[in-house]
């Protein structure tokens, strides 16, 4: 499946140091989530299904 990321609104974590050297996330109209490298935004983004993204967030919140 192809995703149009041209209108995506990318953001970084509030815990990111000056918004550098981190990942950027965009919530897509299809409910999918796109993730890309902030240092190299032209490289294709990873696209996650809503379920996969929720699992990722739940797992990372509960990992010491």
Protein backbone atom coordinates (compact mmCIF):
# COMPACT_ATOMS: atom_id res chain seq x y z
CA UNK A 1 0.00 0.00 0.00
CA UNK A 2 1.33 3.46 -0.89
CA UNK A 3 0.91 6.40 1.47
CA UNK A 4 0.96 10.07 0.50
CA UNK A 5 3.15 11.81 3.07
CA UNK A 6 3.26 15.18 1.30
CA UNK A 7 0.76 16.75 3.71
CA UNK A 8 1.95 14.93 6.82
CA UNK A 9 2.49 17.07 9.93
CA UNK A 10 5.67 15.75 11.51
CA UNK A 11 6.55 16.22 15.16
CA UNK A 12 9.27 15.12 17.57
CA UNK A 13 9.00 14.10 21.19
CA UNK A 14 8.93 16.85 23.79
CA UNK A 15 11.84 14.97 25.39
CA UNK A 16 13.97 15.39 22.29
CA UNK A 17 17.05 17.53 22.78
CA UNK A 18 16.45 20.55 20.52
CA UNK A 19 14.56 18.30 18.09
CA UNK A 20 17.79 16.88 16.69
CA UNK A 21 18.99 13.31 16.19
CA UNK A 22 15.67 11.69 16.87
CA UNK A 23 12.69 10.30 15.04
CA UNK A 24 9.72 12.27 13.77
CA UNK A 25 6.18 10.94 13.85
CA UNK A 26 3.12 11.82 11.76
CA UNK A 27 -0.44 10.58 12.26
CA UNK A 28 -1.93 9.91 8.84
CA UNK A 29 -5.52 10.32 7.68
CA UNK A 30 -5.70 6.54 7.24
CA UNK A 31 -5.08 6.11 11.02
CA UNK A 32 -1.64 4.74 10.22
CA UNK A 33 1.45 6.27 11.83
CA UNK A 34 4.57 7.25 9.89
CA UNK A 35 8.01 7.41 11.50
CA UNK A 36 11.14 8.87 9.92
CA UNK A 37 14.69 9.86 10.84
CA UNK A 38 14.88 13.59 11.61
CA UNK A 39 18.47 13.75 10.29
CA UNK A 40 17.51 12.24 6.94
CA UNK A 41 13.84 12.98 6.22
CA UNK A 42 14.11 12.05 2.53
CA UNK A 43 14.63 8.36 3.35
CA UNK A 44 11.33 6.46 3.17
CA UNK A 45 9.33 6.48 6.39
CA UNK A 46 8.25 3.40 8.27
CA UNK A 47 4.46 3.02 8.32
CA UNK A 48 2.70 1.35 11.25
CA UNK A 49 -0.86 0.11 11.53
CA UNK A 50 -2.85 1.54 14.43
CA UNK A 51 -2.57 -1.78 16.31
CA UNK A 52 1.19 -2.03 15.80
CA UNK A 53 1.68 1.58 16.92
CA UNK A 54 -0.44 1.04 20.05
CA UNK A 55 1.56 -2.09 20.87
CA UNK A 56 4.82 -0.20 20.43
CA UNK A 57 3.70 2.63 22.72
CA UNK A 58 2.37 0.27 25.38
CA UNK A 59 5.55 -1.80 25.34
CA UNK A 60 7.91 1.16 25.55
CA UNK A 61 5.92 2.76 28.39
CA UNK A 62 6.29 -0.40 30.47
CA UNK A 63 9.95 -1.08 29.70
CA UNK A 64 12.42 0.18 32.33
